[in-house]
C-alpha atoms as a PDB file:
ATOM      1  CA  MET A   1       0.271   0.093  -0.346  1.00  0.00           C
ATOM      2  CA  GLU A   2       1.023   3.254  -0.788  1.00  0.00           C
ATOM      3  CA  LEU A   3       0.039   6.571   0.941  1.00  0.00           C
ATOM      4  CA  ILE A   4       0.945  10.417  -0.320  1.00  0.00           C
ATOM      5  CA  LEU A   5       0.924  12.965   1.728  1.00  0.00           C
ATOM      6  CA  LYS A   6       1.292  16.258   1.266  1.00  0.00           C
ATOM      7  CA  SER A   7       1.765  19.510   3.519  1.00  0.00           C
ATOM      8  CA  ASP A   8       3.764  22.412   3.733  1.00  0.00           C
ATOM      9  CA  ASN A   9       4.242  22.337   7.478  1.00  0.00           C
ATOM     10  CA  LYS A  10       7.778  20.613   7.380  1.00  0.00           C
ATOM     11  CA  GLN A  11       7.030  19.851  11.402  1.00  0.00           C
ATOM     12  CA  SER A  12       4.180  18.319  10.947  1.00  0.00           C
ATOM     13  CA  ILE A  13       6.114  15.905   8.275  1.00  0.00           C
ATOM     14  CA  ALA A  14       9.021  15.980  10.290  1.00  0.00           C
ATOM     15  CA  LYS A  15       6.018  14.248  13.226  1.00  0.00           C
ATOM     16  CA  ILE A  16       4.373  12.263  10.861  1.00  0.00           C
ATOM     17  CA  ILE A  17       8.024  10.384   9.625  1.00  0.00           C
ATOM     18  CA  ALA A  18       8.852  10.067  13.232  1.00  0.00           C
ATOM     19  CA  LEU A  19       5.865   8.190  14.122  1.00  0.00           C
ATOM     20  CA  ALA A  20       6.100   6.338  10.457  1.00  0.00           C
ATOM     21  CA  LYS A  21       9.813   5.264  11.560  1.00  0.00           C
ATOM     22  CA  GLU A  22       9.504   4.002  15.050  1.00  0.00           C
ATOM     23  CA  LEU A  23       6.103   1.749  13.530  1.00  0.00           C
ATOM     24  CA  ASN A  24       8.651   0.490  10.967  1.00  0.00           C
ATOM     25  CA  VAL A  25       7.392   2.245   8.045  1.00  0.00           C
ATOM     26  CA  ILE A  26       9.290   2.424   4.823  1.00  0.00           C
ATOM     27  CA  VAL A  27       9.557   6.267   4.534  1.00  0.00           C
ATOM     28  CA  GLU A  28      10.272   8.398   0.877  1.00  0.00           C
ATOM     29  CA  GLU A  29      10.294  11.785  -0.224  1.00  0.00           C
ATOM     30  CA  LYS A  30      10.114  12.665  -3.417  1.00  0.00           C
ATOM     31  CA  SER A  31      10.452  16.397  -4.168  1.00  0.00           C
ATOM     32  CA  THR A  32       7.663  18.400  -6.143  1.00  0.00           C
ATOM     33  CA  GLU A  33       9.142  21.318  -6.401  1.00  0.00           C
ATOM     34  CA  ILE A  34       9.486  22.645 -10.059  1.00  0.00           C
ATOM     35  CA  GLU A  35      12.166  24.361 -10.601  1.00  0.00           C
ATOM     36  CA  GLY A  36      12.844  27.688 -12.946  1.00  0.00           C
ATOM     37  CA  ILE A  37       9.328  28.032 -13.523  1.00  0.00           C
ATOM     38  CA  SER A  38       6.815  29.159 -10.766  1.00  0.00           C
ATOM     39  CA  ARG A  39       3.325  28.010 -10.183  1.00  0.00           C
ATOM     40  CA  GLU A  40       1.537  30.877 -12.629  1.00  0.00           C
ATOM     41  CA  ALA A  41       4.076  30.377 -15.180  1.00  0.00           C
ATOM     42  CA  LEU A  42       3.349  27.209 -15.456  1.00  0.00           C
ATOM     43  CA  LYS A  43      -0.304  27.694 -15.097  1.00  0.00           C
ATOM     44  CA  GLU A  44      -0.102  30.710 -17.876  1.00  0.00           C
ATOM     45  CA  ARG A  45       0.864  27.881 -20.238  1.00  0.00           C
ATOM     46  CA  ILE A  46      -1.547  25.634 -19.356  1.00  0.00           C
ATOM     47  CA  LEU A  47      -4.976  28.243 -20.061  1.00  0.00           C
ATOM     48  CA  ASN A  48      -2.807  29.739 -23.342  1.00  0.00           C
ATOM     49  CA  PHE A  49      -1.925  26.169 -25.246  1.00  0.00           C
ATOM     50  CA  LYS A  50      -2.727  25.708 -28.769  1.00  0.00           C
ATOM     51  CA  ALA A  51      -2.644  22.865 -30.419  1.00  0.00           C
ATOM     52  CA  THR A  52      -0.291  23.034 -33.509  1.00  0.00           C
ATOM     53  CA  SER A  53      -2.224  20.342 -35.336  1.00  0.00           C
ATOM     54  CA  GLU A  54      -5.798  18.569 -35.391  1.00  0.00           C
ATOM     55  CA  SER A  55      -6.729  16.215 -32.429  1.00  0.00           C
ATOM     56  CA  SER A  56      -6.155  12.076 -33.094  1.00  0.00           C
ATOM     57  CA  PHE A  57      -9.749  12.392 -31.675  1.00  0.00           C
ATOM     58  CA  GLY A  58     -11.140  14.157 -35.291  1.00  0.00           C
ATOM     59  CA  ASP A  59     -13.580  17.320 -34.822  1.00  0.00           C
ATOM     60  CA  PRO A  60     -15.373  17.359 -31.280  1.00  0.00           C
ATOM     61  CA  VAL A  61     -18.310  19.258 -32.928  1.00  0.00           C
ATOM     62  CA  GLN A  62     -18.960  16.051 -34.648  1.00  0.00           C
END
């Protein structure tokens, strides 16, 4: 089983990790930070996306 916890509160995460270690649970930390690109820039990039060719699914209106 896999459990994903997300938090900006480092103290809470530290307590959870300490408890997990006491319970002999394997803890893996993965960084979710995106280097070089801000969250707002990514949002704008996604919202302003324009395809360069027709969709492989055809015309959605039809």
